[in-house]
Amino acid sequence: MHRALRRRAAGVALLIVLAMPMAALADPITKNLGGGWRATIFDPVYVDIVVDFVSIKNDILVIEKFAQFVGVDPITGLPKPVQILFEQIESDKSTVSRIVLTDQIIVNHTGIDWTSYREELIPTESGVQTFNQALSATFSIAPFTTRTYNGISSIVDFAGGVVPNGSTWAPGVESGGLYIDIDLESAEKPVAFTLKELPIPEPGAALMVLLAAGVGAVIRRR
C-alpha cells in the first residue's frame, strides 16, 4: 500500500480504537513488528504503532506511532507517560539494529498546554540504545523549535513551542524520523528496552489543574 494511504488507513483505525469503551482494550497487547522485534503497548486504548517499512538487508525498521494523552495524574498533575516495550525475538543476524519513528500523531486531551515533550530510551535488559542525533536532525518537530539530548543520547527534549490543549502534534509527518540505534553485538542476551514519552506542561499548569480538581471535589462533597 502507498505510504500516504497506509497512514490514512492507520489513522482511521486509530479513531475507531479511541471510540471503543476503555474496558474493551484495557490489557496490554503485543505486536510482532518484524525485523526481529516485537512491541508491547501497555495502554492500547490510547496508543498504537504501525509498521511502515522493515528490511533485514538494510538493517532498518520504520514505524508510525499514534498516541492520545487524556487528563492528568491526580497526584502529580502531569500527563501519564506513554511506554512501549521493544524486545528482540530473533538472533542478532536476523534482527535490525536501527528503529525509526516517523509520521507520529499525538493528541493533547490533557486539559493543559504543553511547552515541551520528552522521549527517553530505558534499557530493561542488556544492550545500549541511543538516539542518532545526526540522522534525526531533519525530524520535523513544529511547533517546537529546539531539541536537546542528554550526554549519552538516551533522552531528547523538544521545546521552544506550545502544543495547546485539544490540538494534534504531528512530529515526523513533514520530514525525517527519530532514529534509534541498538547495540546488539555487545549484549549478552536478547535486547529489550522501553520507549517512554512524556508531555511537559507550561510552568504552573499542573498546579492549577490540581487546585481546580481540589475545589471541584470540595463542591461535590457539599
N, C-alpha and C. Protein backbone atom coordinates (compact mmCIF):
# COMPACT_ATOMS: atom_id res chain seq x y z
N MET A 1 0.84 -1.20 0.00
CA MET A 1 0.00 0.00 0.00
C MET A 1 0.88 1.25 0.00
N HIS A 2 0.48 2.27 -0.75
CA HIS A 2 1.20 3.52 -0.77
C HIS A 2 1.28 4.09 0.64
N ARG A 3 2.41 4.73 0.96
CA ARG A 3 2.64 5.19 2.33
C ARG A 3 1.54 6.13 2.81
N ALA A 4 1.11 7.07 1.97
CA ALA A 4 0.09 8.03 2.38
C ALA A 4 -1.23 7.32 2.66
N LEU A 5 -1.58 6.35 1.81
CA LEU A 5 -2.82 5.61 2.01
C LEU A 5 -2.75 4.76 3.26
N ARG A 6 -1.57 4.15 3.49
CA ARG A 6 -1.40 3.33 4.68
C ARG A 6 -1.54 4.18 5.94
N ARG A 7 -0.95 5.37 5.90
CA ARG A 7 -1.02 6.27 7.05
C ARG A 7 -2.47 6.69 7.30
N ARG A 8 -3.21 6.99 6.21
CA ARG A 8 -4.60 7.41 6.36
C ARG A 8 -5.45 6.27 6.94
N ALA A 9 -5.20 5.06 6.44
CA ALA A 9 -5.95 3.91 6.95
C ALA A 9 -5.64 3.66 8.41
N ALA A 10 -4.38 3.81 8.77
CA ALA A 10 -4.00 3.62 10.17
C ALA A 10 -4.64 4.67 11.05
N GLY A 11 -4.73 5.88 10.53
CA GLY A 11 -5.36 6.96 11.30
C GLY A 11 -6.82 6.68 11.54
N VAL A 12 -7.51 6.17 10.53
CA VAL A 12 -8.92 5.81 10.69
C VAL A 12 -9.06 4.69 11.71
N ALA A 13 -8.16 3.72 11.64
CA ALA A 13 -8.20 2.62 12.60
C ALA A 13 -8.01 3.13 14.01
N LEU A 14 -7.13 4.10 14.17
CA LEU A 14 -6.90 4.67 15.50
C LEU A 14 -8.16 5.34 16.02
N LEU A 15 -8.85 6.09 15.18
CA LEU A 15 -10.07 6.76 15.62
C LEU A 15 -11.11 5.74 16.07
N ILE A 16 -11.18 4.61 15.37
CA ILE A 16 -12.11 3.56 15.77
C ILE A 16 -11.74 3.01 17.13
N VAL A 17 -10.44 2.78 17.32
CA VAL A 17 -9.97 2.26 18.60
C VAL A 17 -10.29 3.22 19.73
N LEU A 18 -10.04 4.52 19.49
CA LEU A 18 -10.26 5.51 20.53
C LEU A 18 -11.73 5.65 20.89
N ALA A 19 -12.61 5.26 19.97
CA ALA A 19 -14.05 5.37 20.24
C ALA A 19 -14.58 4.17 21.02
N MET A 20 -13.77 3.12 21.16
CA MET A 20 -14.22 1.93 21.86
C MET A 20 -14.24 2.17 23.37
N PRO A 21 -15.07 1.43 24.09
CA PRO A 21 -15.08 1.53 25.54
C PRO A 21 -13.72 1.18 26.11
N MET A 22 -13.31 1.87 27.15
CA MET A 22 -11.98 1.68 27.71
C MET A 22 -11.76 0.25 28.18
N ALA A 23 -12.76 -0.37 28.77
CA ALA A 23 -12.59 -1.70 29.32
C ALA A 23 -12.29 -2.74 28.24
N ALA A 24 -12.70 -2.45 27.01
CA ALA A 24 -12.56 -3.44 25.94
C ALA A 24 -11.11 -3.69 25.58
N LEU A 25 -10.25 -2.70 25.74
CA LEU A 25 -8.85 -2.85 25.37
C LEU A 25 -7.93 -2.42 26.50
N ALA A 26 -8.31 -2.75 27.74
CA ALA A 26 -7.55 -2.30 28.89
C ALA A 26 -6.23 -3.05 29.04
N ASP A 27 -6.17 -4.31 28.62
CA ASP A 27 -4.97 -5.11 28.81
C ASP A 27 -3.91 -4.77 27.77
N PRO A 28 -2.63 -4.89 28.14
CA PRO A 28 -1.55 -4.65 27.18
C PRO A 28 -1.67 -5.60 25.99
N ILE A 29 -1.18 -5.16 24.84
CA ILE A 29 -1.13 -6.02 23.66
C ILE A 29 0.30 -6.06 23.13
N THR A 30 0.66 -7.16 22.50
CA THR A 30 1.99 -7.33 21.93
C THR A 30 1.88 -7.52 20.43
N LYS A 31 2.70 -6.78 19.69
CA LYS A 31 2.71 -6.86 18.23
C LYS A 31 4.06 -7.35 17.73
N ASN A 32 4.03 -8.29 16.79
CA ASN A 32 5.26 -8.69 16.10
C ASN A 32 5.51 -7.68 14.99
N LEU A 33 6.62 -6.95 15.10
CA LEU A 33 6.90 -5.88 14.15
C LEU A 33 7.70 -6.35 12.94
N GLY A 34 8.30 -7.53 13.04
CA GLY A 34 9.22 -7.96 12.00
C GLY A 34 10.61 -7.42 12.30
N GLY A 35 11.57 -7.84 11.51
CA GLY A 35 12.93 -7.35 11.73
C GLY A 35 13.52 -7.81 13.04
N GLY A 36 12.96 -8.88 13.62
CA GLY A 36 13.50 -9.41 14.87
C GLY A 36 12.97 -8.76 16.12
N TRP A 37 11.92 -7.95 16.00
CA TRP A 37 11.40 -7.20 17.15
C TRP A 37 9.91 -7.41 17.36
N ARG A 38 9.51 -7.33 18.63
CA ARG A 38 8.10 -7.23 18.99
C ARG A 38 7.95 -6.07 19.96
N ALA A 39 6.74 -5.55 20.05
CA ALA A 39 6.49 -4.40 20.92
C ALA A 39 5.26 -4.65 21.76
N THR A 40 5.36 -4.31 23.03
CA THR A 40 4.22 -4.40 23.94
C THR A 40 3.71 -3.00 24.22
N ILE A 41 2.44 -2.78 23.93
CA ILE A 41 1.78 -1.49 24.16
C ILE A 41 0.95 -1.63 25.43
N PHE A 42 1.28 -0.85 26.44
CA PHE A 42 0.66 -1.02 27.75
C PHE A 42 -0.70 -0.35 27.87
N ASP A 43 -0.99 0.61 27.02
CA ASP A 43 -2.28 1.29 27.08
C ASP A 43 -2.86 1.39 25.67
N PRO A 44 -3.28 0.24 25.11
CA PRO A 44 -3.72 0.23 23.71
C PRO A 44 -5.02 0.98 23.45
N VAL A 45 -5.69 1.42 24.51
CA VAL A 45 -6.87 2.25 24.29
C VAL A 45 -6.47 3.56 23.63
N TYR A 46 -5.28 4.06 23.99
CA TYR A 46 -4.86 5.37 23.52
C TYR A 46 -3.57 5.36 22.70
N VAL A 47 -2.95 4.20 22.53
CA VAL A 47 -1.65 4.14 21.85
C VAL A 47 -1.67 3.02 20.81
N ASP A 48 -1.04 3.27 19.67
CA ASP A 48 -0.90 2.23 18.66
C ASP A 48 0.35 2.51 17.84
N ILE A 49 0.93 1.46 17.27
CA ILE A 49 2.05 1.61 16.35
C ILE A 49 1.78 0.76 15.12
N VAL A 50 2.27 1.23 13.98
CA VAL A 50 2.07 0.57 12.70
C VAL A 50 3.42 0.48 11.99
N VAL A 51 3.73 -0.68 11.45
CA VAL A 51 4.98 -0.84 10.71
C VAL A 51 4.85 -0.19 9.34
N ASP A 52 5.78 0.69 9.04
CA ASP A 52 5.80 1.38 7.75
C ASP A 52 6.72 0.66 6.77
N PHE A 53 7.87 0.18 7.28
CA PHE A 53 8.85 -0.48 6.41
C PHE A 53 9.81 -1.28 7.28
N VAL A 54 10.18 -2.48 6.82
CA VAL A 54 11.18 -3.27 7.54
C VAL A 54 12.05 -3.99 6.52
N SER A 55 13.37 -4.02 6.79
CA SER A 55 14.30 -4.68 5.88
C SER A 55 15.51 -5.17 6.65
N ILE A 56 15.69 -6.49 6.67
CA ILE A 56 16.88 -7.05 7.30
C ILE A 56 18.11 -6.63 6.51
N LYS A 57 18.00 -6.64 5.18
CA LYS A 57 19.12 -6.27 4.32
C LYS A 57 19.60 -4.86 4.60
N ASN A 58 18.65 -3.93 4.75
CA ASN A 58 19.00 -2.53 5.01
C ASN A 58 19.14 -2.22 6.50
N ASP A 59 18.93 -3.24 7.33
CA ASP A 59 19.12 -3.12 8.78
C ASP A 59 18.26 -2.00 9.38
N ILE A 60 16.97 -1.99 9.03
CA ILE A 60 16.13 -0.89 9.49
C ILE A 60 14.67 -1.33 9.66
N LEU A 61 14.02 -0.77 10.68
CA LEU A 61 12.60 -0.94 10.93
C LEU A 61 12.00 0.44 11.13
N VAL A 62 11.04 0.81 10.28
CA VAL A 62 10.41 2.13 10.36
C VAL A 62 8.97 1.94 10.84
N ILE A 63 8.61 2.68 11.88
CA ILE A 63 7.26 2.55 12.43
C ILE A 63 6.60 3.92 12.59
N GLU A 64 5.29 3.91 12.52
CA GLU A 64 4.49 5.10 12.80
C GLU A 64 3.81 4.89 14.15
N LYS A 65 3.64 5.98 14.89
CA LYS A 65 3.08 5.87 16.24
C LYS A 65 1.94 6.86 16.43
N PHE A 66 0.89 6.40 17.11
CA PHE A 66 -0.27 7.22 17.41
C PHE A 66 -0.51 7.18 18.91
N ALA A 67 -0.69 8.35 19.52
CA ALA A 67 -0.92 8.40 20.96
C ALA A 67 -1.86 9.53 21.31
N GLN A 68 -2.77 9.26 22.23
CA GLN A 68 -3.66 10.28 22.73
C GLN A 68 -3.47 10.37 24.25
N PHE A 69 -3.11 11.56 24.73
CA PHE A 69 -2.95 11.79 26.16
C PHE A 69 -4.24 12.41 26.68
N VAL A 70 -4.84 11.75 27.67
CA VAL A 70 -6.13 12.18 28.20
C VAL A 70 -6.02 12.46 29.70
N GLY A 71 -6.32 13.68 30.11
CA GLY A 71 -6.29 14.02 31.53
C GLY A 71 -4.89 14.00 32.11
N VAL A 72 -4.82 14.16 33.43
CA VAL A 72 -3.54 14.17 34.13
C VAL A 72 -3.63 13.31 35.37
N ASP A 73 -2.47 12.96 35.90
CA ASP A 73 -2.41 12.21 37.15
C ASP A 73 -2.96 13.06 38.28
N PRO A 74 -3.89 12.56 39.08
CA PRO A 74 -4.49 13.38 40.14
C PRO A 74 -3.52 13.75 41.26
N ILE A 75 -2.40 13.05 41.33
CA ILE A 75 -1.42 13.35 42.38
C ILE A 75 -0.38 14.34 41.89
N THR A 76 0.19 14.09 40.70
CA THR A 76 1.26 14.95 40.19
C THR A 76 0.75 16.11 39.35
N GLY A 77 -0.45 15.96 38.78
CA GLY A 77 -0.96 16.98 37.87
C GLY A 77 -0.33 16.92 36.50
N LEU A 78 0.47 15.88 36.24
CA LEU A 78 1.16 15.72 34.95
C LEU A 78 0.47 14.64 34.12
N PRO A 79 0.60 14.71 32.79
CA PRO A 79 0.05 13.64 31.95
C PRO A 79 0.72 12.31 32.27
N LYS A 80 -0.03 11.23 32.08
CA LYS A 80 0.52 9.90 32.24
C LYS A 80 1.42 9.60 31.05
N PRO A 81 2.68 9.15 31.27
CA PRO A 81 3.57 8.90 30.14
C PRO A 81 3.12 7.70 29.31
N VAL A 82 3.49 7.72 28.04
CA VAL A 82 3.31 6.58 27.16
C VAL A 82 4.56 5.72 27.24
N GLN A 83 4.38 4.40 27.38
CA GLN A 83 5.53 3.49 27.43
C GLN A 83 5.29 2.30 26.50
N ILE A 84 6.28 2.04 25.67
CA ILE A 84 6.23 0.91 24.74
C ILE A 84 7.48 0.07 24.94
N LEU A 85 7.32 -1.21 25.19
CA LEU A 85 8.44 -2.12 25.41
C LEU A 85 8.81 -2.80 24.10
N PHE A 86 10.07 -2.66 23.69
CA PHE A 86 10.59 -3.32 22.49
C PHE A 86 11.47 -4.49 22.94
N GLU A 87 11.24 -5.68 22.35
CA GLU A 87 12.00 -6.86 22.72
C GLU A 87 12.54 -7.57 21.48
N GLN A 88 13.81 -7.96 21.54
CA GLN A 88 14.42 -8.73 20.47
C GLN A 88 13.95 -10.18 20.56
N ILE A 89 13.46 -10.72 19.45
CA ILE A 89 12.93 -12.09 19.47
C ILE A 89 13.61 -13.00 18.45
N GLU A 90 14.61 -12.48 17.75
CA GLU A 90 15.36 -13.29 16.79
C GLU A 90 16.85 -13.18 17.10
N SER A 91 17.65 -13.97 16.40
CA SER A 91 19.11 -13.88 16.56
C SER A 91 19.59 -12.52 16.07
N ASP A 92 20.81 -12.15 16.47
CA ASP A 92 21.36 -10.87 16.02
C ASP A 92 21.39 -10.78 14.50
N LYS A 93 21.69 -11.89 13.85
CA LYS A 93 21.78 -11.91 12.39
C LYS A 93 20.44 -11.59 11.74
N SER A 94 19.35 -11.94 12.42
CA SER A 94 18.01 -11.73 11.86
C SER A 94 17.29 -10.56 12.52
N THR A 95 18.04 -9.70 13.20
CA THR A 95 17.45 -8.56 13.90
C THR A 95 18.07 -7.26 13.41
N VAL A 96 17.24 -6.29 13.08
CA VAL A 96 17.75 -4.99 12.64
C VAL A 96 18.24 -4.21 13.86
N SER A 97 19.24 -3.38 13.65
CA SER A 97 19.83 -2.62 14.75
C SER A 97 19.44 -1.15 14.72
N ARG A 98 18.47 -0.82 13.89
CA ARG A 98 18.02 0.58 13.83
C ARG A 98 16.49 0.62 13.69
N ILE A 99 15.85 1.35 14.60
CA ILE A 99 14.40 1.56 14.57
C ILE A 99 14.15 3.05 14.39
N VAL A 100 13.27 3.38 13.47
CA VAL A 100 12.98 4.78 13.16
C VAL A 100 11.52 5.08 13.45
N LEU A 101 11.28 6.16 14.21
CA LEU A 101 9.92 6.64 14.47
C LEU A 101 9.62 7.77 13.50
N THR A 102 8.55 7.64 12.74
CA THR A 102 8.20 8.68 11.78
C THR A 102 6.68 8.81 11.71
N ASP A 103 6.21 9.90 11.12
CA ASP A 103 4.77 10.10 10.92
C ASP A 103 3.96 9.83 12.19
N GLN A 104 4.30 10.53 13.25
CA GLN A 104 3.60 10.34 14.52
C GLN A 104 2.39 11.28 14.62
N ILE A 105 1.35 10.80 15.23
CA ILE A 105 0.16 11.60 15.53
C ILE A 105 -0.04 11.57 17.04
N ILE A 106 0.08 12.73 17.69
CA ILE A 106 -0.01 12.81 19.14
C ILE A 106 -1.07 13.85 19.51
N VAL A 107 -2.08 13.42 20.25
CA VAL A 107 -3.23 14.26 20.56
C VAL A 107 -3.18 14.71 22.02
N ASN A 108 -3.38 16.00 22.23
CA ASN A 108 -3.38 16.57 23.57
C ASN A 108 -4.81 16.78 24.06
N HIS A 109 -5.27 15.86 24.90
CA HIS A 109 -6.56 15.99 25.56
C HIS A 109 -6.35 15.98 27.08
N THR A 110 -5.29 16.63 27.53
CA THR A 110 -4.93 16.61 28.95
C THR A 110 -5.57 17.75 29.74
N GLY A 111 -6.11 18.74 29.04
CA GLY A 111 -6.67 19.89 29.72
C GLY A 111 -5.67 21.00 29.96
N ILE A 112 -4.41 20.78 29.57
CA ILE A 112 -3.36 21.78 29.75
C ILE A 112 -2.49 21.85 28.49
N ASP A 113 -1.86 23.00 28.28
CA ASP A 113 -0.95 23.17 27.16
C ASP A 113 0.41 22.55 27.49
N TRP A 114 1.11 22.07 26.45
CA TRP A 114 2.45 21.52 26.64
C TRP A 114 3.48 22.50 26.10
N THR A 115 4.54 22.71 26.85
CA THR A 115 5.63 23.57 26.36
C THR A 115 6.87 22.76 26.00
N SER A 116 6.86 21.48 26.27
CA SER A 116 7.95 20.61 25.83
C SER A 116 7.47 19.16 25.84
N TYR A 117 8.29 18.30 25.26
CA TYR A 117 7.93 16.90 25.13
C TYR A 117 9.20 16.07 25.20
N ARG A 118 9.22 15.06 26.06
CA ARG A 118 10.43 14.25 26.26
C ARG A 118 10.24 12.83 25.73
N GLU A 119 11.28 12.34 25.04
CA GLU A 119 11.34 10.94 24.62
C GLU A 119 12.59 10.33 25.26
N GLU A 120 12.42 9.16 25.87
CA GLU A 120 13.52 8.55 26.63
C GLU A 120 13.61 7.06 26.32
N LEU A 121 14.85 6.57 26.19
CA LEU A 121 15.12 5.15 25.98
C LEU A 121 15.60 4.56 27.30
N ILE A 122 14.88 3.56 27.81
CA ILE A 122 15.22 2.96 29.10
C ILE A 122 15.54 1.48 28.88
N PRO A 123 16.81 1.07 29.03
CA PRO A 123 17.15 -0.34 28.85
C PRO A 123 16.56 -1.19 29.97
N THR A 124 15.94 -2.31 29.60
CA THR A 124 15.39 -3.21 30.60
C THR A 124 16.14 -4.54 30.61
N GLU A 125 16.98 -4.75 29.62
CA GLU A 125 17.86 -5.91 29.58
C GLU A 125 19.23 -5.41 29.13
N SER A 126 20.10 -6.32 28.72
CA SER A 126 21.44 -5.92 28.29
C SER A 126 21.37 -5.17 26.97
N GLY A 127 22.44 -4.47 26.66
CA GLY A 127 22.50 -3.71 25.42
C GLY A 127 22.38 -2.22 25.65
N VAL A 128 22.76 -1.45 24.62
CA VAL A 128 22.74 0.00 24.70
C VAL A 128 21.90 0.53 23.54
N GLN A 129 21.02 1.48 23.85
CA GLN A 129 20.17 2.10 22.83
C GLN A 129 20.36 3.61 22.90
N THR A 130 20.55 4.24 21.76
CA THR A 130 20.77 5.68 21.73
C THR A 130 20.02 6.30 20.55
N PHE A 131 19.68 7.57 20.71
CA PHE A 131 19.13 8.34 19.60
C PHE A 131 20.30 8.78 18.71
N ASN A 132 20.16 8.57 17.40
CA ASN A 132 21.18 9.00 16.45
C ASN A 132 20.92 10.47 16.12
N GLN A 133 21.72 11.36 16.71
CA GLN A 133 21.46 12.79 16.57
C GLN A 133 21.62 13.27 15.13
N ALA A 134 22.63 12.77 14.44
CA ALA A 134 22.88 13.23 13.07
C ALA A 134 21.73 12.85 12.13
N LEU A 135 21.31 11.59 12.18
CA LEU A 135 20.25 11.15 11.29
C LEU A 135 18.89 11.72 11.67
N SER A 136 18.74 12.10 12.94
CA SER A 136 17.46 12.65 13.42
C SER A 136 17.36 14.16 13.24
N ALA A 137 18.39 14.77 12.67
CA ALA A 137 18.43 16.24 12.58
C ALA A 137 17.30 16.82 11.75
N THR A 138 16.79 16.06 10.77
CA THR A 138 15.72 16.57 9.90
C THR A 138 14.32 16.17 10.40
N PHE A 139 14.26 15.53 11.56
CA PHE A 139 12.98 15.12 12.13
C PHE A 139 12.16 16.36 12.48
N SER A 140 11.04 16.54 11.79
CA SER A 140 10.23 17.75 11.99
C SER A 140 9.51 17.71 13.33
N ILE A 141 9.58 18.83 14.07
CA ILE A 141 9.02 18.85 15.42
C ILE A 141 8.12 20.06 15.66
N ALA A 142 7.83 20.87 14.62
CA ALA A 142 6.99 22.06 14.79
C ALA A 142 5.68 21.69 15.47
N PRO A 143 5.20 22.52 16.43
CA PRO A 143 5.60 23.90 16.72
C PRO A 143 6.82 24.06 17.61
N PHE A 144 7.42 22.95 18.07
CA PHE A 144 8.65 23.08 18.84
C PHE A 144 9.79 23.50 17.92
N THR A 145 10.76 24.18 18.49
CA THR A 145 11.86 24.73 17.69
C THR A 145 13.23 24.27 18.16
N THR A 146 13.33 23.63 19.31
CA THR A 146 14.63 23.19 19.82
C THR A 146 14.57 21.72 20.20
N ARG A 147 15.72 21.07 20.12
CA ARG A 147 15.84 19.68 20.57
C ARG A 147 17.14 19.56 21.37
N THR A 148 17.07 18.96 22.54
CA THR A 148 18.23 18.85 23.42
C THR A 148 18.39 17.41 23.87
N TYR A 149 19.58 16.85 23.63
CA TYR A 149 19.87 15.47 24.04
C TYR A 149 20.70 15.47 25.32
N ASN A 150 20.55 14.41 26.11
CA ASN A 150 21.43 14.28 27.26
C ASN A 150 22.79 13.75 26.81
N GLY A 151 23.72 13.59 27.74
CA GLY A 151 25.09 13.26 27.38
C GLY A 151 25.28 11.93 26.69
N ILE A 152 24.39 10.98 26.93
CA ILE A 152 24.53 9.66 26.31
C ILE A 152 23.47 9.42 25.23
N SER A 153 22.80 10.47 24.83
CA SER A 153 21.80 10.41 23.74
C SER A 153 20.69 9.39 24.00
N SER A 154 20.32 9.24 25.26
CA SER A 154 19.20 8.35 25.59
C SER A 154 17.92 9.13 25.88
N ILE A 155 18.03 10.46 25.95
CA ILE A 155 16.89 11.33 26.20
C ILE A 155 16.95 12.50 25.23
N VAL A 156 15.81 12.86 24.67
CA VAL A 156 15.73 14.07 23.85
C VAL A 156 14.50 14.86 24.30
N ASP A 157 14.70 16.16 24.49
CA ASP A 157 13.62 17.07 24.87
C ASP A 157 13.35 18.02 23.71
N PHE A 158 12.10 18.08 23.29
CA PHE A 158 11.67 19.05 22.29
C PHE A 158 11.00 20.22 23.02
N ALA A 159 11.41 21.44 22.70
CA ALA A 159 10.88 22.61 23.42
C ALA A 159 10.87 23.81 22.48
N GLY A 160 10.61 24.99 23.07
CA GLY A 160 10.57 26.21 22.28
C GLY A 160 9.30 26.37 21.48
N GLY A 161 8.20 25.87 22.00
CA GLY A 161 6.91 25.99 21.32
C GLY A 161 5.80 25.53 22.25
N VAL A 162 4.59 25.52 21.76
CA VAL A 162 3.44 25.12 22.57
C VAL A 162 2.51 24.21 21.76
N VAL A 163 2.10 23.11 22.38
CA VAL A 163 1.05 22.25 21.84
C VAL A 163 -0.19 22.50 22.69
N PRO A 164 -1.15 23.29 22.20
CA PRO A 164 -2.32 23.65 23.01
C PRO A 164 -3.20 22.44 23.33
N ASN A 165 -3.88 22.52 24.45
CA ASN A 165 -4.87 21.50 24.78
C ASN A 165 -5.91 21.42 23.66
N GLY A 166 -6.27 20.21 23.29
CA GLY A 166 -7.26 20.00 22.24
C GLY A 166 -6.68 19.94 20.84
N SER A 167 -5.36 20.09 20.72
CA SER A 167 -4.74 20.09 19.40
C SER A 167 -3.99 18.78 19.15
N THR A 168 -3.55 18.62 17.91
CA THR A 168 -2.79 17.44 17.50
C THR A 168 -1.40 17.85 17.06
N TRP A 169 -0.39 17.15 17.55
CA TRP A 169 1.00 17.39 17.18
C TRP A 169 1.44 16.24 16.27
N ALA A 170 2.14 16.56 15.18
CA ALA A 170 2.48 15.54 14.19
C ALA A 170 3.97 15.53 13.88
N PRO A 171 4.82 15.14 14.83
CA PRO A 171 6.26 15.09 14.57
C PRO A 171 6.61 14.04 13.52
N GLY A 172 7.48 14.42 12.60
CA GLY A 172 7.93 13.49 11.57
C GLY A 172 7.04 13.40 10.35
N VAL A 173 5.85 13.97 10.39
CA VAL A 173 4.96 13.90 9.23
C VAL A 173 5.51 14.75 8.09
N GLU A 174 6.03 15.92 8.43
CA GLU A 174 6.56 16.82 7.41
C GLU A 174 7.88 16.30 6.84
N SER A 175 8.76 15.82 7.71
CA SER A 175 10.05 15.34 7.23
C SER A 175 10.77 14.53 8.30
N GLY A 176 11.68 13.68 7.84
CA GLY A 176 12.62 12.98 8.71
C GLY A 176 12.02 11.95 9.64
N GLY A 177 12.85 11.48 10.56
CA GLY A 177 12.45 10.48 11.53
C GLY A 177 13.34 10.57 12.75
N LEU A 178 12.90 9.97 13.84
CA LEU A 178 13.70 9.90 15.06
C LEU A 178 14.36 8.52 15.08
N TYR A 179 15.68 8.50 14.90
CA TYR A 179 16.43 7.26 14.72
C TYR A 179 16.94 6.72 16.06
N ILE A 180 16.68 5.43 16.28
CA ILE A 180 17.17 4.74 17.47
C ILE A 180 18.17 3.68 17.04
N ASP A 181 19.40 3.78 17.52
CA ASP A 181 20.43 2.79 17.22
C ASP A 181 20.54 1.81 18.39
N ILE A 182 20.56 0.51 18.09
CA ILE A 182 20.62 -0.52 19.11
C ILE A 182 21.90 -1.32 18.95
N ASP A 183 22.68 -1.40 20.02
CA ASP A 183 23.92 -2.17 20.01
C ASP A 183 23.59 -3.63 20.34
N LEU A 184 23.52 -4.46 19.32
CA LEU A 184 23.18 -5.86 19.51
C LEU A 184 24.40 -6.70 19.86
N GLU A 185 25.55 -6.35 19.32
CA GLU A 185 26.75 -7.18 19.46
C GLU A 185 27.25 -7.26 20.89
N SER A 186 27.17 -6.17 21.64
CA SER A 186 27.71 -6.16 23.00
C SER A 186 26.74 -6.76 24.02
N ALA A 187 25.51 -7.02 23.61
CA ALA A 187 24.51 -7.55 24.53
C ALA A 187 24.78 -9.03 24.81
N GLU A 188 24.67 -9.41 26.07
CA GLU A 188 24.90 -10.80 26.46
C GLU A 188 23.66 -11.66 26.26
N LYS A 189 22.51 -11.05 26.12
CA LYS A 189 21.26 -11.77 25.89
C LYS A 189 20.35 -10.89 25.05
N PRO A 190 19.23 -11.41 24.59
CA PRO A 190 18.35 -10.59 23.74
C PRO A 190 18.05 -9.23 24.35
N VAL A 191 18.07 -8.22 23.50
CA VAL A 191 17.91 -6.84 23.94
C VAL A 191 16.44 -6.53 24.20
N ALA A 192 16.21 -5.71 25.22
CA ALA A 192 14.87 -5.18 25.48
C ALA A 192 15.03 -3.78 26.04
N PHE A 193 14.17 -2.88 25.58
CA PHE A 193 14.22 -1.52 26.10
C PHE A 193 12.83 -0.90 26.00
N THR A 194 12.62 0.14 26.79
CA THR A 194 11.33 0.83 26.81
C THR A 194 11.47 2.23 26.24
N LEU A 195 10.58 2.58 25.34
CA LEU A 195 10.47 3.96 24.86
C LEU A 195 9.42 4.65 25.73
N LYS A 196 9.85 5.67 26.46
CA LYS A 196 8.95 6.42 27.34
C LYS A 196 8.79 7.83 26.80
N GLU A 197 7.55 8.28 26.69
CA GLU A 197 7.28 9.62 26.18
C GLU A 197 6.42 10.38 27.19
N LEU A 198 6.81 11.64 27.45
CA LEU A 198 6.12 12.42 28.46
C LEU A 198 5.94 13.87 28.02
N PRO A 199 4.70 14.33 27.85
CA PRO A 199 4.47 15.76 27.60
C PRO A 199 4.74 16.54 28.89
N ILE A 200 5.30 17.72 28.74
CA ILE A 200 5.60 18.56 29.89
C ILE A 200 4.81 19.86 29.76
N PRO A 201 3.92 20.15 30.72
CA PRO A 201 3.07 21.34 30.62
C PRO A 201 3.83 22.61 30.94
N GLU A 202 3.22 23.74 30.59
CA GLU A 202 3.82 25.02 30.91
C GLU A 202 3.89 25.18 32.43
N PRO A 203 4.90 25.90 32.93
CA PRO A 203 5.09 26.04 34.37
C PRO A 203 3.82 26.54 35.06
N GLY A 204 3.47 25.88 36.14
CA GLY A 204 2.29 26.29 36.90
C GLY A 204 1.00 25.65 36.45
N ALA A 205 0.99 25.08 35.25
CA ALA A 205 -0.26 24.49 34.74
C ALA A 205 -0.68 23.29 35.56
N ALA A 206 0.30 22.44 35.93
CA ALA A 206 -0.03 21.26 36.71
C ALA A 206 -0.64 21.65 38.06
N LEU A 207 -0.08 22.69 38.68
CA LEU A 207 -0.60 23.14 39.97
C LEU A 207 -2.03 23.65 39.83
N MET A 208 -2.30 24.38 38.76
CA MET A 208 -3.65 24.91 38.54
C MET A 208 -4.66 23.77 38.36
N VAL A 209 -4.24 22.71 37.66
CA VAL A 209 -5.12 21.57 37.46
C VAL A 209 -5.45 20.90 38.79
N LEU A 210 -4.42 20.74 39.63
CA LEU A 210 -4.63 20.11 40.93
C LEU A 210 -5.54 20.96 41.81
N LEU A 211 -5.33 22.28 41.79
CA LEU A 211 -6.16 23.17 42.59
C LEU A 211 -7.61 23.12 42.12
N ALA A 212 -7.80 23.11 40.79
CA ALA A 212 -9.16 23.05 40.25
C ALA A 212 -9.84 21.74 40.63
N ALA A 213 -9.07 20.66 40.60
CA ALA A 213 -9.63 19.36 40.98
C ALA A 213 -10.01 19.36 42.45
N GLY A 214 -9.18 19.99 43.28
CA GLY A 214 -9.47 20.06 44.71
C GLY A 214 -10.72 20.86 45.00
N VAL A 215 -10.86 21.99 44.32
CA VAL A 215 -12.05 22.82 44.50
C VAL A 215 -13.30 22.08 44.05
N GLY A 216 -13.18 21.36 42.92
CA GLY A 216 -14.32 20.60 42.42
C GLY A 216 -14.74 19.52 43.39
N ALA A 217 -13.75 18.87 44.02
CA ALA A 217 -14.07 17.81 44.98
C ALA A 217 -14.79 18.38 46.19
N VAL A 218 -14.35 19.55 46.65
CA VAL A 218 -14.99 20.18 47.81
C VAL A 218 -16.43 20.55 47.49
N ILE A 219 -16.65 21.11 46.30
CA ILE A 219 -18.01 21.50 45.89
C ILE A 219 -18.92 20.29 45.81
N ARG A 220 -18.39 19.17 45.25
CA ARG A 220 -19.22 17.97 45.13
C ARG A 220 -19.60 17.41 46.49
N ARG A 221 -18.66 17.48 47.45
CA ARG A 221 -18.95 16.97 48.79
C ARG A 221 -20.04 17.80 49.47
N ARG A 222 -20.06 19.10 49.18
CA ARG A 222 -21.08 19.96 49.77
C ARG A 222 -22.44 19.70 49.13
